Amino acid sequence: MISLCQCMDHAAGKIRGESDMLVLELLILLALSNGAPVIARNILEDQFSWPVDAGVRFIDGQPLFGSAKTIRGLVFAVVFTTLGALIIGLGWKIGLVVGIVSMSGDLFSSFIKRRFKMPASSRAVGLDQIPESLFPLLACQQALGLGVSEILAVVVLFLLGSVILSPVFHKLNIRKHPY
Protein backbone atom coordinates (compact mmCIF):
# COMPACT_ATOMS: atom_id res chain seq x y z
CA MET A 1 0.00 0.00 0.00
CA ILE A 2 2.87 2.39 0.67
CA SER A 3 3.93 2.40 -2.98
CA LEU A 4 0.36 3.35 -3.93
CA CYS A 5 0.44 6.18 -1.42
CA GLN A 6 3.87 7.35 -2.63
CA CYS A 7 2.49 8.23 -6.04
CA MET A 8 -0.12 10.55 -4.61
CA ASP A 9 1.51 13.86 -5.40
CA HIS A 10 -1.53 15.89 -4.32
CA ALA A 11 -1.03 14.70 -0.76
CA ALA A 12 2.61 15.78 -0.80
CA GLY A 13 1.51 19.36 -0.15
CA LYS A 14 0.20 18.29 3.26
CA ILE A 15 3.66 17.71 4.71
CA ARG A 16 4.67 18.91 8.17
CA GLY A 17 3.69 22.58 8.78
CA GLU A 18 0.05 21.54 8.52
CA SER A 19 0.28 18.59 10.90
CA ASP A 20 -2.60 19.73 13.16
CA MET A 21 -4.90 20.09 10.15
CA LEU A 22 -3.69 16.76 8.79
CA VAL A 23 -4.44 15.05 12.11
CA LEU A 24 -7.99 16.48 11.95
CA GLU A 25 -8.41 15.42 8.31
CA LEU A 26 -7.27 11.89 9.08
CA LEU A 27 -9.64 11.69 12.05
CA ILE A 28 -12.47 12.73 9.73
CA LEU A 29 -11.54 9.99 7.25
CA LEU A 30 -11.34 7.38 10.01
CA ALA A 31 -14.71 8.53 11.37
CA LEU A 32 -16.20 8.19 7.89
CA SER A 33 -14.73 4.73 7.48
CA ASN A 34 -15.92 3.66 10.93
CA GLY A 35 -19.35 5.28 10.70
CA ALA A 36 -20.32 4.47 7.12
CA PRO A 37 -21.24 0.82 7.84
CA VAL A 38 -23.47 1.94 10.72
CA ILE A 39 -25.19 4.54 8.53
CA ALA A 40 -25.59 1.99 5.73
CA ARG A 41 -27.22 -0.49 8.14
CA ASN A 42 -29.57 2.17 9.48
CA ILE A 43 -30.65 3.23 5.99
CA LEU A 44 -30.74 -0.14 4.22
CA GLU A 45 -31.59 -2.33 7.23
CA ASP A 46 -31.09 -5.95 6.11
CA GLN A 47 -30.68 -5.21 2.40
CA PHE A 48 -27.28 -6.18 0.98
CA SER A 49 -26.12 -7.39 4.40
CA TRP A 50 -24.16 -10.37 3.12
CA PRO A 51 -21.45 -11.38 5.59
CA VAL A 52 -17.90 -10.86 4.34
CA ASP A 53 -16.93 -14.33 5.52
CA ALA A 54 -19.98 -15.94 3.84
CA GLY A 55 -20.53 -17.90 7.06
CA VAL A 56 -17.18 -19.69 6.79
CA ARG A 57 -15.74 -20.97 10.04
CA PHE A 58 -12.06 -21.03 10.93
CA ILE A 59 -10.26 -24.20 12.11
CA ASP A 60 -11.30 -23.38 15.69
CA GLY A 61 -14.97 -23.73 14.68
CA GLN A 62 -15.66 -20.02 15.22
CA PRO A 63 -16.79 -17.67 12.43
CA LEU A 64 -13.95 -16.18 10.43
CA PHE A 65 -15.13 -12.58 11.10
CA GLY A 66 -18.75 -12.84 12.20
CA SER A 67 -22.11 -11.78 10.84
CA ALA A 68 -21.66 -8.07 11.71
CA LYS A 69 -19.00 -7.62 9.02
CA THR A 70 -20.88 -7.20 5.74
CA ILE A 71 -20.07 -6.50 2.12
CA ARG A 72 -22.45 -3.53 2.37
CA GLY A 73 -20.45 -2.10 5.29
CA LEU A 74 -17.12 -2.51 3.52
CA VAL A 75 -18.38 -0.93 0.31
CA PHE A 76 -19.97 2.04 2.10
CA ALA A 77 -16.84 2.56 4.22
CA VAL A 78 -14.54 2.65 1.21
CA VAL A 79 -16.87 4.85 -0.87
CA PHE A 80 -17.57 7.35 1.96
CA THR A 81 -13.88 7.57 2.88
CA THR A 82 -12.82 8.05 -0.73
CA LEU A 83 -15.39 10.80 -1.29
CA GLY A 84 -14.54 12.40 2.05
CA ALA A 85 -10.84 12.57 1.19
CA LEU A 86 -11.68 14.14 -2.16
CA ILE A 87 -13.88 16.76 -0.48
CA ILE A 88 -11.33 17.73 2.20
CA GLY A 89 -8.51 17.91 -0.31
CA LEU A 90 -6.43 14.84 0.41
CA GLY A 91 -7.33 13.26 -2.93
CA TRP A 92 -9.38 10.22 -3.75
CA LYS A 93 -6.39 7.86 -3.75
CA ILE A 94 -5.58 8.63 -0.11
CA GLY A 95 -9.26 8.12 0.73
CA LEU A 96 -9.34 4.82 -1.11
CA VAL A 97 -6.25 3.55 0.71
CA VAL A 98 -7.50 4.76 4.11
CA GLY A 99 -10.92 3.18 3.51
CA ILE A 100 -9.56 -0.19 2.37
CA VAL A 101 -6.82 -0.46 4.97
CA SER A 102 -9.06 0.80 7.79
CA MET A 103 -11.60 -1.90 6.97
CA SER A 104 -8.77 -4.44 6.80
CA GLY A 105 -7.83 -3.39 10.33
CA ASP A 106 -11.45 -3.76 11.38
CA LEU A 107 -11.59 -7.27 9.89
CA PHE A 108 -8.29 -8.12 11.63
CA SER A 109 -9.84 -7.05 14.96
CA SER A 110 -12.93 -9.15 14.31
CA PHE A 111 -10.78 -12.14 13.38
CA ILE A 112 -8.83 -11.84 16.66
CA LYS A 113 -12.02 -11.40 18.72
CA ARG A 114 -13.54 -14.53 17.15
CA ARG A 115 -10.40 -16.48 18.11
CA PHE A 116 -11.09 -15.45 21.72
CA LYS A 117 -14.70 -16.61 21.22
CA MET A 118 -16.06 -13.09 21.62
CA PRO A 119 -19.42 -12.70 19.88
CA ALA A 120 -19.95 -10.40 16.89
CA SER A 121 -20.29 -6.73 17.89
CA SER A 122 -18.71 -7.39 21.31
CA ARG A 123 -16.54 -4.72 22.88
CA ALA A 124 -12.74 -4.86 23.10
CA VAL A 125 -11.39 -1.39 23.84
CA GLY A 126 -8.13 -0.87 21.99
CA LEU A 127 -8.50 -3.89 19.75
CA ASP A 128 -11.62 -2.32 18.23
CA GLN A 129 -9.88 0.98 17.45
CA ILE A 130 -6.11 0.59 17.13
CA PRO A 131 -5.77 -1.63 14.02
CA GLU A 132 -8.57 0.29 12.26
CA SER A 133 -6.73 3.58 12.79
CA LEU A 134 -3.07 2.53 12.87
CA PHE A 135 -2.96 0.35 9.74
CA PRO A 136 -4.15 3.06 7.30
CA LEU A 137 -1.83 5.63 8.87
CA LEU A 138 1.13 3.32 8.37
CA ALA A 139 0.02 2.66 4.79
CA CYS A 140 0.00 6.40 4.01
CA GLN A 141 2.80 7.47 6.34
CA GLN A 142 5.33 8.26 3.65
CA ALA A 143 2.95 9.92 1.20
CA LEU A 144 1.52 12.20 3.88
CA GLY A 145 4.79 12.81 5.68
CA LEU A 146 3.38 11.46 8.93
CA GLY A 147 5.73 11.37 11.87
CA VAL A 148 5.39 9.20 14.94
CA SER A 149 3.76 12.07 16.86
CA GLU A 150 1.02 12.55 14.25
CA ILE A 151 0.34 8.83 14.04
CA LEU A 152 0.20 8.52 17.82
CA ALA A 153 -2.08 11.57 18.09
CA VAL A 154 -4.53 10.24 15.51
CA VAL A 155 -4.66 6.75 17.03
CA VAL A 156 -5.14 8.04 20.60
CA LEU A 157 -7.75 10.63 19.55
CA PHE A 158 -9.61 8.04 17.45
CA LEU A 159 -9.65 5.60 20.38
CA LEU A 160 -10.83 8.27 22.84
CA GLY A 161 -13.40 9.62 20.39
CA SER A 162 -14.79 6.15 19.83
CA VAL A 163 -15.05 5.40 23.55
CA ILE A 164 -16.63 8.78 24.34
CA LEU A 165 -18.95 9.15 21.33
CA SER A 166 -20.26 5.59 20.96
CA PRO A 167 -22.58 5.85 23.99
CA VAL A 168 -23.86 9.19 22.67
CA PHE A 169 -24.58 7.66 19.25
CA HIS A 170 -26.33 4.77 20.99
CA LYS A 171 -28.60 7.16 22.91
CA LEU A 172 -29.41 8.89 19.62
CA ASN A 173 -30.35 5.45 18.16
CA ILE A 174 -27.56 5.62 15.60
CA ARG A 175 -25.60 2.68 17.02
CA LYS A 176 -27.07 -0.62 18.23
CA HIS A 177 -24.63 -0.88 21.15
CA PRO A 178 -23.29 1.79 23.53
CA TYR A 179 -19.71 0.87 22.58
C-alpha atoms as a PDB file:
ATOM      1  CA  MET A   1       0.000   0.000   0.000  1.00  0.00           C
ATOM      2  CA  ILE A   2       2.868   2.388   0.668  1.00  0.00           C
ATOM      3  CA  SER A   3       3.930   2.401  -2.982  1.00  0.00           C
ATOM      4  CA  LEU A   4       0.357   3.352  -3.935  1.00  0.00           C
ATOM      5  CA  CYS A   5       0.438   6.179  -1.422  1.00  0.00           C
ATOM      6  CA  GLN A   6       3.867   7.353  -2.631  1.00  0.00           C
ATOM      7  CA  CYS A   7       2.493   8.231  -6.044  1.00  0.00           C
ATOM      8  CA  MET A   8      -0.119  10.549  -4.605  1.00  0.00           C
ATOM      9  CA  ASP A   9       1.506  13.859  -5.404  1.00  0.00           C
ATOM     10  CA  HIS A  10      -1.527  15.887  -4.322  1.00  0.00           C
ATOM     11  CA  ALA A  11      -1.032  14.705  -0.763  1.00  0.00           C
ATOM     12  CA  ALA A  12       2.613  15.778  -0.803  1.00  0.00           C
ATOM     13  CA  GLY A  13       1.508  19.359  -0.150  1.00  0.00           C
ATOM     14  CA  LYS A  14       0.198  18.294   3.257  1.00  0.00           C
ATOM     15  CA  ILE A  15       3.665  17.713   4.707  1.00  0.00           C
ATOM     16  CA  ARG A  16       4.665  18.914   8.168  1.00  0.00           C
ATOM     17  CA  GLY A  17       3.690  22.578   8.779  1.00  0.00           C
ATOM     18  CA  GLU A  18       0.045  21.536   8.517  1.00  0.00           C
ATOM     19  CA  SER A  19       0.276  18.590  10.902  1.00  0.00           C
ATOM     20  CA  ASP A  20      -2.598  19.730  13.157  1.00  0.00           C
ATOM     21  CA  MET A  21      -4.899  20.086  10.154  1.00  0.00           C
ATOM     22  CA  LEU A  22      -3.686  16.759   8.789  1.00  0.00           C
ATOM     23  CA  VAL A  23      -4.444  15.055  12.107  1.00  0.00           C
ATOM     24  CA  LEU A  24      -7.985  16.476  11.951  1.00  0.00           C
ATOM     25  CA  GLU A  25      -8.413  15.423   8.310  1.00  0.00           C
ATOM     26  CA  LEU A  26      -7.268  11.893   9.083  1.00  0.00           C
ATOM     27  CA  LEU A  27      -9.643  11.694  12.054  1.00  0.00           C
ATOM     28  CA  ILE A  28     -12.468  12.732   9.729  1.00  0.00           C
ATOM     29  CA  LEU A  29     -11.543   9.985   7.251  1.00  0.00           C
ATOM     30  CA  LEU A  30     -11.344   7.382  10.009  1.00  0.00           C
ATOM     31  CA  ALA A  31     -14.714   8.530  11.373  1.00  0.00           C
ATOM     32  CA  LEU A  32     -16.203   8.186   7.888  1.00  0.00           C
ATOM     33  CA  SER A  33     -14.734   4.728   7.482  1.00  0.00           C
ATOM     34  CA  ASN A  34     -15.916   3.661  10.930  1.00  0.00           C
ATOM     35  CA  GLY A  35     -19.351   5.282  10.704  1.00  0.00           C
ATOM     36  CA  ALA A  36     -20.316   4.469   7.121  1.00  0.00           C
ATOM     37  CA  PRO A  37     -21.242   0.820   7.839  1.00  0.00           C
ATOM     38  CA  VAL A  38     -23.475   1.944  10.718  1.00  0.00           C
ATOM     39  CA  ILE A  39     -25.194   4.544   8.529  1.00  0.00           C
ATOM     40  CA  ALA A  40     -25.595   1.990   5.729  1.00  0.00           C
ATOM     41  CA  ARG A  41     -27.215  -0.494   8.144  1.00  0.00           C
ATOM     42  CA  ASN A  42     -29.573   2.169   9.484  1.00  0.00           C
ATOM     43  CA  ILE A  43     -30.655   3.225   5.991  1.00  0.00           C
ATOM     44  CA  LEU A  44     -30.735  -0.135   4.223  1.00  0.00           C
ATOM     45  CA  GLU A  45     -31.590  -2.332   7.232  1.00  0.00           C
ATOM     46  CA  ASP A  46     -31.085  -5.948   6.111  1.00  0.00           C
ATOM     47  CA  GLN A  47     -30.680  -5.211   2.397  1.00  0.00           C
ATOM     48  CA  PHE A  48     -27.278  -6.178   0.978  1.00  0.00           C
ATOM     49  CA  SER A  49     -26.121  -7.393   4.395  1.00  0.00           C
ATOM     50  CA  TRP A  50     -24.162 -10.373   3.119  1.00  0.00           C
ATOM     51  CA  PRO A  51     -21.445 -11.382   5.589  1.00  0.00           C
ATOM     52  CA  VAL A  52     -17.897 -10.859   4.337  1.00  0.00           C
ATOM     53  CA  ASP A  53     -16.926 -14.332   5.516  1.00  0.00           C
ATOM     54  CA  ALA A  54     -19.982 -15.936   3.842  1.00  0.00           C
ATOM     55  CA  GLY A  55     -20.527 -17.900   7.057  1.00  0.00           C
ATOM     56  CA  VAL A  56     -17.178 -19.686   6.785  1.00  0.00           C
ATOM     57  CA  ARG A  57     -15.743 -20.965  10.039  1.00  0.00           C
ATOM     58  CA  PHE A  58     -12.060 -21.034  10.933  1.00  0.00           C
ATOM     59  CA  ILE A  59     -10.258 -24.200  12.106  1.00  0.00           C
ATOM     60  CA  ASP A  60     -11.299 -23.382  15.689  1.00  0.00           C
ATOM     61  CA  GLY A  61     -14.967 -23.725  14.684  1.00  0.00           C
ATOM     62  CA  GLN A  62     -15.656 -20.021  15.220  1.00  0.00           C
ATOM     63  CA  PRO A  63     -16.788 -17.668  12.427  1.00  0.00           C
ATOM     64  CA  LEU A  64     -13.946 -16.184  10.431  1.00  0.00           C
ATOM     65  CA  PHE A  65     -15.128 -12.576  11.095  1.00  0.00           C
ATOM     66  CA  GLY A  66     -18.749 -12.839  12.204  1.00  0.00           C
ATOM     67  CA  SER A  67     -22.106 -11.780  10.844  1.00  0.00           C
ATOM     68  CA  ALA A  68     -21.661  -8.073  11.706  1.00  0.00           C
ATOM     69  CA  LYS A  69     -18.997  -7.622   9.017  1.00  0.00           C
ATOM     70  CA  THR A  70     -20.880  -7.204   5.742  1.00  0.00           C
ATOM     71  CA  ILE A  71     -20.072  -6.498   2.120  1.00  0.00           C
ATOM     72  CA  ARG A  72     -22.445  -3.534   2.375  1.00  0.00           C
ATOM     73  CA  GLY A  73     -20.454  -2.096   5.288  1.00  0.00           C
ATOM     74  CA  LEU A  74     -17.124  -2.515   3.522  1.00  0.00           C
ATOM     75  CA  VAL A  75     -18.382  -0.927   0.307  1.00  0.00           C
ATOM     76  CA  PHE A  76     -19.968   2.035   2.097  1.00  0.00           C
ATOM     77  CA  ALA A  77     -16.843   2.565   4.217  1.00  0.00           C
ATOM     78  CA  VAL A  78     -14.540   2.650   1.206  1.00  0.00           C
ATOM     79  CA  VAL A  79     -16.875   4.846  -0.873  1.00  0.00           C
ATOM     80  CA  PHE A  80     -17.573   7.349   1.961  1.00  0.00           C
ATOM     81  CA  THR A  81     -13.884   7.567   2.876  1.00  0.00           C
ATOM     82  CA  THR A  82     -12.816   8.046  -0.734  1.00  0.00           C
ATOM     83  CA  LEU A  83     -15.393  10.797  -1.286  1.00  0.00           C
ATOM     84  CA  GLY A  84     -14.536  12.400   2.048  1.00  0.00           C
ATOM     85  CA  ALA A  85     -10.841  12.569   1.190  1.00  0.00           C
ATOM     86  CA  LEU A  86     -11.679  14.136  -2.156  1.00  0.00           C
ATOM     87  CA  ILE A  87     -13.875  16.757  -0.481  1.00  0.00           C
ATOM     88  CA  ILE A  88     -11.325  17.733   2.197  1.00  0.00           C
ATOM     89  CA  GLY A  89      -8.509  17.907  -0.310  1.00  0.00           C
ATOM     90  CA  LEU A  90      -6.430  14.835   0.410  1.00  0.00           C
ATOM     91  CA  GLY A  91      -7.326  13.259  -2.927  1.00  0.00           C
ATOM     92  CA  TRP A  92      -9.378  10.221  -3.746  1.00  0.00           C
ATOM     93  CA  LYS A  93      -6.389   7.859  -3.750  1.00  0.00           C
ATOM     94  CA  ILE A  94      -5.583   8.631  -0.114  1.00  0.00           C
ATOM     95  CA  GLY A  95      -9.255   8.121   0.728  1.00  0.00           C
ATOM     96  CA  LEU A  96      -9.335   4.816  -1.110  1.00  0.00           C
ATOM     97  CA  VAL A  97      -6.250   3.549   0.714  1.00  0.00           C
ATOM     98  CA  VAL A  98      -7.499   4.757   4.111  1.00  0.00           C
ATOM     99  CA  GLY A  99     -10.920   3.176   3.511  1.00  0.00           C
ATOM    100  CA  ILE A 100      -9.564  -0.190   2.369  1.00  0.00           C
ATOM    101  CA  VAL A 101      -6.823  -0.460   4.973  1.00  0.00           C
ATOM    102  CA  SER A 102      -9.056   0.799   7.790  1.00  0.00           C
ATOM    103  CA  MET A 103     -11.602  -1.899   6.969  1.00  0.00           C
ATOM    104  CA  SER A 104      -8.770  -4.439   6.799  1.00  0.00           C
ATOM    105  CA  GLY A 105      -7.828  -3.391  10.335  1.00  0.00           C
ATOM    106  CA  ASP A 106     -11.451  -3.764  11.380  1.00  0.00           C
ATOM    107  CA  LEU A 107     -11.586  -7.267   9.891  1.00  0.00           C
ATOM    108  CA  PHE A 108      -8.294  -8.119  11.625  1.00  0.00           C
ATOM    109  CA  SER A 109      -9.836  -7.053  14.961  1.00  0.00           C
ATOM    110  CA  SER A 110     -12.931  -9.151  14.310  1.00  0.00           C
ATOM    111  CA  PHE A 111     -10.780 -12.140  13.382  1.00  0.00           C
ATOM    112  CA  ILE A 112      -8.829 -11.844  16.660  1.00  0.00           C
ATOM    113  CA  LYS A 113     -12.018 -11.402  18.719  1.00  0.00           C
ATOM    114  CA  ARG A 114     -13.540 -14.534  17.148  1.00  0.00           C
ATOM    115  CA  ARG A 115     -10.404 -16.480  18.114  1.00  0.00           C
ATOM    116  CA  PHE A 116     -11.088 -15.448  21.717  1.00  0.00           C
ATOM    117  CA  LYS A 117     -14.696 -16.606  21.216  1.00  0.00           C
ATOM    118  CA  MET A 118     -16.061 -13.087  21.623  1.00  0.00           C
ATOM    119  CA  PRO A 119     -19.419 -12.699  19.877  1.00  0.00           C
ATOM    120  CA  ALA A 120     -19.947 -10.400  16.892  1.00  0.00           C
ATOM    121  CA  SER A 121     -20.286  -6.730  17.892  1.00  0.00           C
ATOM    122  CA  SER A 122     -18.707  -7.393  21.306  1.00  0.00           C
ATOM    123  CA  ARG A 123     -16.535  -4.717  22.880  1.00  0.00           C
ATOM    124  CA  ALA A 124     -12.745  -4.863  23.099  1.00  0.00           C
ATOM    125  CA  VAL A 125     -11.385  -1.387  23.837  1.00  0.00           C
ATOM    126  CA  GLY A 126      -8.131  -0.869  21.986  1.00  0.00           C
ATOM    127  CA  LEU A 127      -8.499  -3.888  19.754  1.00  0.00           C
ATOM    128  CA  ASP A 128     -11.616  -2.319  18.232  1.00  0.00           C
ATOM    129  CA  GLN A 129      -9.882   0.983  17.452  1.00  0.00           C
ATOM    130  CA  ILE A 130      -6.112   0.588  17.126  1.00  0.00           C
ATOM    131  CA  PRO A 131      -5.775  -1.628  14.018  1.00  0.00           C
ATOM    132  CA  GLU A 132      -8.570   0.287  12.259  1.00  0.00           C
ATOM    133  CA  SER A 133      -6.734   3.575  12.788  1.00  0.00           C
ATOM    134  CA  LEU A 134      -3.072   2.527  12.868  1.00  0.00           C
ATOM    135  CA  PHE A 135      -2.965   0.348   9.741  1.00  0.00           C
ATOM    136  CA  PRO A 136      -4.148   3.061   7.300  1.00  0.00           C
ATOM    137  CA  LEU A 137      -1.826   5.629   8.874  1.00  0.00           C
ATOM    138  CA  LEU A 138       1.126   3.321   8.368  1.00  0.00           C
ATOM    139  CA  ALA A 139       0.021   2.662   4.789  1.00  0.00           C
ATOM    140  CA  CYS A 140       0.001   6.401   4.014  1.00  0.00           C
ATOM    141  CA  GLN A 141       2.797   7.465   6.341  1.00  0.00           C
ATOM    142  CA  GLN A 142       5.334   8.259   3.651  1.00  0.00           C
ATOM    143  CA  ALA A 143       2.948   9.924   1.196  1.00  0.00           C
ATOM    144  CA  LEU A 144       1.516  12.196   3.882  1.00  0.00           C
ATOM    145  CA  GLY A 145       4.793  12.809   5.681  1.00  0.00           C
ATOM    146  CA  LEU A 146       3.381  11.458   8.931  1.00  0.00           C
ATOM    147  CA  GLY A 147       5.726  11.375  11.868  1.00  0.00           C
ATOM    148  CA  VAL A 148       5.389   9.205  14.941  1.00  0.00           C
ATOM    149  CA  SER A 149       3.763  12.073  16.864  1.00  0.00           C
ATOM    150  CA  GLU A 150       1.020  12.552  14.250  1.00  0.00           C
ATOM    151  CA  ILE A 151       0.342   8.829  14.042  1.00  0.00           C
ATOM    152  CA  LEU A 152       0.197   8.515  17.824  1.00  0.00           C
ATOM    153  CA  ALA A 153      -2.076  11.575  18.091  1.00  0.00           C
ATOM    154  CA  VAL A 154      -4.529  10.238  15.507  1.00  0.00           C
ATOM    155  CA  VAL A 155      -4.658   6.746  17.032  1.00  0.00           C
ATOM    156  CA  VAL A 156      -5.144   8.044  20.599  1.00  0.00           C
ATOM    157  CA  LEU A 157      -7.750  10.630  19.546  1.00  0.00           C
ATOM    158  CA  PHE A 158      -9.610   8.037  17.454  1.00  0.00           C
ATOM    159  CA  LEU A 159      -9.651   5.600  20.381  1.00  0.00           C
ATOM    160  CA  LEU A 160     -10.829   8.269  22.845  1.00  0.00           C
ATOM    161  CA  GLY A 161     -13.396   9.619  20.389  1.00  0.00           C
ATOM    162  CA  SER A 162     -14.787   6.151  19.830  1.00  0.00           C
ATOM    163  CA  VAL A 163     -15.048   5.395  23.547  1.00  0.00           C
ATOM    164  CA  ILE A 164     -16.631   8.778  24.341  1.00  0.00           C
ATOM    165  CA  LEU A 165     -18.952   9.152  21.330  1.00  0.00           C
ATOM    166  CA  SER A 166     -20.256   5.589  20.956  1.00  0.00           C
ATOM    167  CA  PRO A 167     -22.585   5.850  23.992  1.00  0.00           C
ATOM    168  CA  VAL A 168     -23.856   9.188  22.668  1.00  0.00           C
ATOM    169  CA  PHE A 169     -24.580   7.659  19.246  1.00  0.00           C
ATOM    170  CA  HIS A 170     -26.327   4.771  20.991  1.00  0.00           C
ATOM    171  CA  LYS A 171     -28.603   7.160  22.914  1.00  0.00           C
ATOM    172  CA  LEU A 172     -29.406   8.886  19.617  1.00  0.00           C
ATOM    173  CA  ASN A 173     -30.350   5.450  18.159  1.00  0.00           C
ATOM    174  CA  ILE A 174     -27.557   5.625  15.600  1.00  0.00           C
ATOM    175  CA  ARG A 175     -25.595   2.685  17.024  1.00  0.00           C
ATOM    176  CA  LYS A 176     -27.068  -0.621  18.231  1.00  0.00           C
ATOM    177  CA  HIS A 177     -24.632  -0.876  21.151  1.00  0.00           C
ATOM    178  CA  PRO A 178     -23.287   1.790  23.534  1.00  0.00           C
ATOM    179  CA  TYR A 179     -19.708   0.866  22.584  1.00  0.00           C
END
